[in-house]
């Protein structure tokens, strides 16, 4: 209710209109106001330079596409790779997040909740974004898997040099992951 997810969706240009509408302010990225950018240009940035890990991996993944196809789709949209190269990149990204590359032909229902979240992270990082927005990425996971996913995100953030906006209610996670903190309340 405070507007954390809505703020993240605003950065991505994904606030549903109607009913939502951004009536003021600016979102500056690389010196450009994303709110004034044409949708065509915003689409090039979204998923390429700015990626988002949504709250619920169970509903964010397409159930009729393999996870490899879903990762490759993002790569094909934002780079000049062939389908074969994109598939290879998808396998590499799965390996990056601790899933065997051979599982790229599996469907989302064949993965546990923690593995689905790892797939979402692989999709988000596939194009080496400069900004990663993670909206409560560990909410649906048990504590052990939460710790693994957060450690993975922290390592990948350092490896890729990616900035991270992390939306969470968990102050322990904030203490472990974040450099700067903003509290959104009421």
C-alpha atoms as a PDB file:
ATOM      1  CA  UNK A   1       0.000   0.000   0.000  1.00  0.00           C
ATOM      2  CA  UNK A   2       2.895   2.497   0.340  1.00  0.00           C
ATOM      3  CA  UNK A   3       3.848   2.493  -3.359  1.00  0.00           C
ATOM      4  CA  UNK A   4       7.122   0.554  -3.522  1.00  0.00           C
ATOM      5  CA  UNK A   5       6.103  -1.708  -6.400  1.00  0.00           C
ATOM      6  CA  UNK A   6       4.290   1.140  -8.159  1.00  0.00           C
ATOM      7  CA  UNK A   7       7.492   3.199  -7.991  1.00  0.00           C
ATOM      8  CA  UNK A   8       9.456   0.329  -9.542  1.00  0.00           C
ATOM      9  CA  UNK A   9       6.822  -0.097 -12.262  1.00  0.00           C
ATOM     10  CA  UNK A  10       7.038   3.652 -12.895  1.00  0.00           C
ATOM     11  CA  UNK A  11      10.790   3.404 -13.464  1.00  0.00           C
ATOM     12  CA  UNK A  12      10.161   0.597 -15.970  1.00  0.00           C
ATOM     13  CA  UNK A  13       7.315   2.478 -17.674  1.00  0.00           C
ATOM     14  CA  UNK A  14       4.916  -0.317 -16.764  1.00  0.00           C
ATOM     15  CA  UNK A  15       2.300   1.481 -14.663  1.00  0.00           C
ATOM     16  CA  UNK A  16      -1.043   0.283 -16.097  1.00  0.00           C
ATOM     17  CA  UNK A  17      -2.813   3.254 -17.694  1.00  0.00           C
ATOM     18  CA  UNK A  18      -5.699   3.267 -16.862  1.00  0.00           C
ATOM     19  CA  UNK A  19      -6.082   3.160 -13.861  1.00  0.00           C
ATOM     20  CA  UNK A  20      -2.607   4.454 -13.014  1.00  0.00           C
ATOM     21  CA  UNK A  21      -1.057   7.654 -14.288  1.00  0.00           C
ATOM     22  CA  UNK A  22       2.233   9.390 -13.559  1.00  0.00           C
ATOM     23  CA  UNK A  23       1.278  13.043 -13.094  1.00  0.00           C
ATOM     24  CA  UNK A  24       4.607  14.598 -12.125  1.00  0.00           C
ATOM     25  CA  UNK A  25       8.269  14.167 -11.386  1.00  0.00           C
ATOM     26  CA  UNK A  26      11.017  12.573 -13.434  1.00  0.00           C
ATOM     27  CA  UNK A  27      12.951   9.332 -13.665  1.00  0.00           C
ATOM     28  CA  UNK A  28      16.491  10.090 -14.815  1.00  0.00           C
ATOM     29  CA  UNK A  29      18.585   7.309 -16.329  1.00  0.00           C
ATOM     30  CA  UNK A  30      21.823   8.098 -18.156  1.00  0.00           C
ATOM     31  CA  UNK A  31      20.789  11.752 -18.201  1.00  0.00           C
ATOM     32  CA  UNK A  32      17.445  11.089 -19.895  1.00  0.00           C
ATOM     33  CA  UNK A  33      13.988  11.390 -18.354  1.00  0.00           C
ATOM     34  CA  UNK A  34      12.369   7.983 -18.879  1.00  0.00           C
ATOM     35  CA  UNK A  35       8.921   9.507 -18.330  1.00  0.00           C
ATOM     36  CA  UNK A  36       9.296  11.719 -21.410  1.00  0.00           C
ATOM     37  CA  UNK A  37      10.782   8.985 -23.600  1.00  0.00           C
ATOM     38  CA  UNK A  38       8.753   7.523 -26.494  1.00  0.00           C
ATOM     39  CA  UNK A  39       7.545   3.941 -25.869  1.00  0.00           C
ATOM     40  CA  UNK A  40       9.746   2.625 -28.707  1.00  0.00           C
ATOM     41  CA  UNK A  41      12.903   3.953 -27.027  1.00  0.00           C
ATOM     42  CA  UNK A  42      11.722   2.800 -23.606  1.00  0.00           C
ATOM     43  CA  UNK A  43      11.252  -0.747 -24.954  1.00  0.00           C
ATOM     44  CA  UNK A  44      14.902  -0.765 -26.047  1.00  0.00           C
ATOM     45  CA  UNK A  45      16.016   0.181 -22.525  1.00  0.00           C
ATOM     46  CA  UNK A  46      13.543  -2.087 -20.691  1.00  0.00           C
ATOM     47  CA  UNK A  47      15.024  -5.567 -20.415  1.00  0.00           C
ATOM     48  CA  UNK A  48      18.312  -4.433 -21.924  1.00  0.00           C
ATOM     49  CA  UNK A  49      19.702  -1.652 -19.739  1.00  0.00           C
ATOM     50  CA  UNK A  50      17.084  -1.872 -16.980  1.00  0.00           C
ATOM     51  CA  UNK A  51      15.633  -5.215 -15.866  1.00  0.00           C
ATOM     52  CA  UNK A  52      13.164  -6.191 -13.195  1.00  0.00           C
ATOM     53  CA  UNK A  53      12.693  -9.324 -11.137  1.00  0.00           C
ATOM     54  CA  UNK A  54       9.014  -9.444 -10.264  1.00  0.00           C
ATOM     55  CA  UNK A  55       7.595 -10.513  -6.923  1.00  0.00           C
ATOM     56  CA  UNK A  56       6.089 -13.857  -7.886  1.00  0.00           C
ATOM     57  CA  UNK A  57       8.043 -16.132 -10.228  1.00  0.00           C
ATOM     58  CA  UNK A  58       5.105 -18.559 -10.286  1.00  0.00           C
ATOM     59  CA  UNK A  59       3.009 -16.092 -12.310  1.00  0.00           C
ATOM     60  CA  UNK A  60       5.835 -14.251 -14.105  1.00  0.00           C
ATOM     61  CA  UNK A  61       7.042 -17.174 -16.210  1.00  0.00           C
ATOM     62  CA  UNK A  62       5.141 -18.289 -19.313  1.00  0.00           C
ATOM     63  CA  UNK A  63       3.916 -21.865 -18.640  1.00  0.00           C
ATOM     64  CA  UNK A  64       3.876 -22.891 -22.339  1.00  0.00           C
ATOM     65  CA  UNK A  65       7.453 -21.831 -23.145  1.00  0.00           C
ATOM     66  CA  UNK A  66      10.582 -23.579 -21.935  1.00  0.00           C
ATOM     67  CA  UNK A  67      12.757 -21.579 -19.571  1.00  0.00           C
ATOM     68  CA  UNK A  68      15.500 -21.547 -22.213  1.00  0.00           C
ATOM     69  CA  UNK A  69      13.119 -20.003 -24.752  1.00  0.00           C
ATOM     70  CA  UNK A  70      12.139 -17.325 -22.228  1.00  0.00           C
ATOM     71  CA  UNK A  71      15.749 -16.366 -21.527  1.00  0.00           C
ATOM     72  CA  UNK A  72      16.667 -16.487 -25.237  1.00  0.00           C
ATOM     73  CA  UNK A  73      13.668 -14.279 -26.094  1.00  0.00           C
ATOM     74  CA  UNK A  74      15.116 -11.415 -24.034  1.00  0.00           C
ATOM     75  CA  UNK A  75      18.555 -11.907 -25.575  1.00  0.00           C
ATOM     76  CA  UNK A  76      17.126 -11.890 -29.122  1.00  0.00           C
ATOM     77  CA  UNK A  77      15.158  -8.698 -28.412  1.00  0.00           C
ATOM     78  CA  UNK A  78      18.189  -6.757 -27.188  1.00  0.00           C
ATOM     79  CA  UNK A  79      21.159  -8.109 -29.132  1.00  0.00           C
ATOM     80  CA  UNK A  80      22.117  -9.153 -32.613  1.00  0.00           C
ATOM     81  CA  UNK A  81      22.556 -12.852 -31.858  1.00  0.00           C
ATOM     82  CA  UNK A  82      21.305 -15.791 -33.866  1.00  0.00           C
ATOM     83  CA  UNK A  83      18.773 -18.176 -32.312  1.00  0.00           C
ATOM     84  CA  UNK A  84      21.560 -20.698 -31.721  1.00  0.00           C
ATOM     85  CA  UNK A  85      23.748 -18.118 -29.986  1.00  0.00           C
ATOM     86  CA  UNK A  86      20.781 -16.969 -27.881  1.00  0.00           C
ATOM     87  CA  UNK A  87      20.096 -20.565 -26.820  1.00  0.00           C
ATOM     88  CA  UNK A  88      23.754 -20.972 -25.846  1.00  0.00           C
ATOM     89  CA  UNK A  89      23.548 -17.706 -23.867  1.00  0.00           C
ATOM     90  CA  UNK A  90      20.379 -19.008 -22.139  1.00  0.00           C
ATOM     91  CA  UNK A  91      22.236 -22.153 -21.087  1.00  0.00           C
ATOM     92  CA  UNK A  92      25.151 -20.034 -19.800  1.00  0.00           C
ATOM     93  CA  UNK A  93      22.762 -17.828 -17.819  1.00  0.00           C
ATOM     94  CA  UNK A  94      21.128 -20.884 -16.218  1.00  0.00           C
ATOM     95  CA  UNK A  95      24.598 -22.099 -15.219  1.00  0.00           C
ATOM     96  CA  UNK A  96      25.316 -18.609 -13.793  1.00  0.00           C
ATOM     97  CA  UNK A  97      22.373 -18.932 -11.422  1.00  0.00           C
ATOM     98  CA  UNK A  98      23.206 -22.495 -10.385  1.00  0.00           C
ATOM     99  CA  UNK A  99      20.884 -24.470 -12.692  1.00  0.00           C
ATOM    100  CA  UNK A 100      22.382 -27.015 -15.111  1.00  0.00           C
ATOM    101  CA  UNK A 101      22.290 -25.608 -18.666  1.00  0.00           C
ATOM    102  CA  UNK A 102      20.737 -28.853 -19.886  1.00  0.00           C
ATOM    103  CA  UNK A 103      17.517 -27.890 -18.119  1.00  0.00           C
ATOM    104  CA  UNK A 104      16.874 -25.115 -20.651  1.00  0.00           C
ATOM    105  CA  UNK A 105      14.314 -27.341 -22.412  1.00  0.00           C
ATOM    106  CA  UNK A 106      12.287 -27.799 -19.219  1.00  0.00           C
ATOM    107  CA  UNK A 107       9.082 -25.917 -18.512  1.00  0.00           C
ATOM    108  CA  UNK A 108       8.449 -23.722 -15.441  1.00  0.00           C
ATOM    109  CA  UNK A 109       6.214 -26.341 -13.759  1.00  0.00           C
ATOM    110  CA  UNK A 110       9.240 -28.663 -13.633  1.00  0.00           C
ATOM    111  CA  UNK A 111      11.092 -26.284 -11.289  1.00  0.00           C
ATOM    112  CA  UNK A 112      10.779 -25.576  -7.563  1.00  0.00           C
ATOM    113  CA  UNK A 113       9.925 -22.072  -6.338  1.00  0.00           C
ATOM    114  CA  UNK A 114      13.581 -21.275  -5.635  1.00  0.00           C
ATOM    115  CA  UNK A 115      14.642 -22.489  -9.068  1.00  0.00           C
ATOM    116  CA  UNK A 116      11.893 -20.443 -10.754  1.00  0.00           C
ATOM    117  CA  UNK A 117      13.229 -17.370  -8.967  1.00  0.00           C
ATOM    118  CA  UNK A 118      16.718 -18.228 -10.232  1.00  0.00           C
ATOM    119  CA  UNK A 119      15.290 -18.457 -13.761  1.00  0.00           C
ATOM    120  CA  UNK A 120      13.770 -14.994 -13.271  1.00  0.00           C
ATOM    121  CA  UNK A 121      17.185 -13.701 -12.193  1.00  0.00           C
ATOM    122  CA  UNK A 122      18.780 -15.328 -15.265  1.00  0.00           C
ATOM    123  CA  UNK A 123      16.212 -13.609 -17.515  1.00  0.00           C
ATOM    124  CA  UNK A 124      16.789 -10.267 -15.794  1.00  0.00           C
ATOM    125  CA  UNK A 125      20.593 -10.510 -16.082  1.00  0.00           C
ATOM    126  CA  UNK A 126      20.726 -12.007 -19.597  1.00  0.00           C
ATOM    127  CA  UNK A 127      21.549  -8.653 -21.232  1.00  0.00           C
ATOM    128  CA  UNK A 128      23.870  -7.443 -18.452  1.00  0.00           C
ATOM    129  CA  UNK A 129      21.627  -4.555 -17.396  1.00  0.00           C
ATOM    130  CA  UNK A 130      23.054  -1.473 -15.761  1.00  0.00           C
ATOM    131  CA  UNK A 131      20.120  -1.372 -13.331  1.00  0.00           C
ATOM    132  CA  UNK A 132      18.331  -4.357 -11.804  1.00  0.00           C
ATOM    133  CA  UNK A 133      15.094  -3.787  -9.881  1.00  0.00           C
ATOM    134  CA  UNK A 134      14.221  -6.683  -7.573  1.00  0.00           C
ATOM    135  CA  UNK A 135      10.697  -6.474  -6.147  1.00  0.00           C
ATOM    136  CA  UNK A 136      10.630  -8.653  -3.030  1.00  0.00           C
ATOM    137  CA  UNK A 137      12.512 -11.415  -4.868  1.00  0.00           C
ATOM    138  CA  UNK A 138      12.526 -13.823  -1.910  1.00  0.00           C
ATOM    139  CA  UNK A 139       8.976 -13.421  -0.550  1.00  0.00           C
ATOM    140  CA  UNK A 140       7.628 -16.799  -1.721  1.00  0.00           C
ATOM    141  CA  UNK A 141      10.758 -18.752  -0.762  1.00  0.00           C
ATOM    142  CA  UNK A 142      11.737 -20.621   2.387  1.00  0.00           C
ATOM    143  CA  UNK A 143      14.532 -19.150   4.522  1.00  0.00           C
ATOM    144  CA  UNK A 144      17.323 -21.409   3.209  1.00  0.00           C
ATOM    145  CA  UNK A 145      16.473 -20.700  -0.431  1.00  0.00           C
ATOM    146  CA  UNK A 146      16.065 -16.982   0.400  1.00  0.00           C
ATOM    147  CA  UNK A 147      19.655 -16.856   1.630  1.00  0.00           C
ATOM    148  CA  UNK A 148      20.914 -18.648  -1.507  1.00  0.00           C
ATOM    149  CA  UNK A 149      19.015 -16.312  -3.866  1.00  0.00           C
ATOM    150  CA  UNK A 150      20.222 -13.182  -2.030  1.00  0.00           C
ATOM    151  CA  UNK A 151      23.816 -14.408  -2.048  1.00  0.00           C
ATOM    152  CA  UNK A 152      23.487 -15.158  -5.765  1.00  0.00           C
ATOM    153  CA  UNK A 153      22.112 -11.658  -6.456  1.00  0.00           C
ATOM    154  CA  UNK A 154      24.885 -10.037  -4.442  1.00  0.00           C
ATOM    155  CA  UNK A 155      27.584 -12.005  -6.279  1.00  0.00           C
ATOM    156  CA  UNK A 156      26.079 -11.339  -9.722  1.00  0.00           C
ATOM    157  CA  UNK A 157      25.676  -7.625  -8.867  1.00  0.00           C
ATOM    158  CA  UNK A 158      29.409  -7.446  -8.180  1.00  0.00           C
ATOM    159  CA  UNK A 159      30.388  -9.616 -11.159  1.00  0.00           C
ATOM    160  CA  UNK A 160      28.303  -7.662 -13.688  1.00  0.00           C
ATOM    161  CA  UNK A 161      28.785  -4.244 -12.065  1.00  0.00           C
ATOM    162  CA  UNK A 162      25.015  -3.840 -11.952  1.00  0.00           C
ATOM    163  CA  UNK A 163      23.226  -1.319  -9.746  1.00  0.00           C
ATOM    164  CA  UNK A 164      20.437  -2.889  -7.708  1.00  0.00           C
ATOM    165  CA  UNK A 165      17.198  -1.447  -6.382  1.00  0.00           C
ATOM    166  CA  UNK A 166      15.897  -3.984  -3.877  1.00  0.00           C
ATOM    167  CA  UNK A 167      12.330  -3.736  -2.609  1.00  0.00           C
ATOM    168  CA  UNK A 168      11.885  -5.679   0.625  1.00  0.00           C
ATOM    169  CA  UNK A 169      10.214  -5.635   4.025  1.00  0.00           C
ATOM    170  CA  UNK A 170      13.097  -7.582   5.562  1.00  0.00           C
ATOM    171  CA  UNK A 171      15.541  -5.270   7.353  1.00  0.00           C
ATOM    172  CA  UNK A 172      17.988  -8.168   7.781  1.00  0.00           C
ATOM    173  CA  UNK A 173      18.177  -8.438   3.991  1.00  0.00           C
ATOM    174  CA  UNK A 174      18.623  -4.659   3.761  1.00  0.00           C
ATOM    175  CA  UNK A 175      21.529  -4.809   6.227  1.00  0.00           C
ATOM    176  CA  UNK A 176      23.216  -7.603   4.263  1.00  0.00           C
ATOM    177  CA  UNK A 177      22.705  -6.363   0.688  1.00  0.00           C
ATOM    178  CA  UNK A 178      22.101  -2.609   0.519  1.00  0.00           C
ATOM    179  CA  UNK A 179      24.541   0.326   0.433  1.00  0.00           C
ATOM    180  CA  UNK A 180      21.849   3.019   0.685  1.00  0.00           C
ATOM    181  CA  UNK A 181      18.355   2.721   2.128  1.00  0.00           C
ATOM    182  CA  UNK A 182      15.126   4.634   1.536  1.00  0.00           C
ATOM    183  CA  UNK A 183      12.085   3.851   3.673  1.00  0.00           C
ATOM    184  CA  UNK A 184       8.718   4.139   1.955  1.00  0.00           C
ATOM    185  CA  UNK A 185       5.989   4.249   4.569  1.00  0.00           C
ATOM    186  CA  UNK A 186       2.301   5.283   4.654  1.00  0.00           C
END
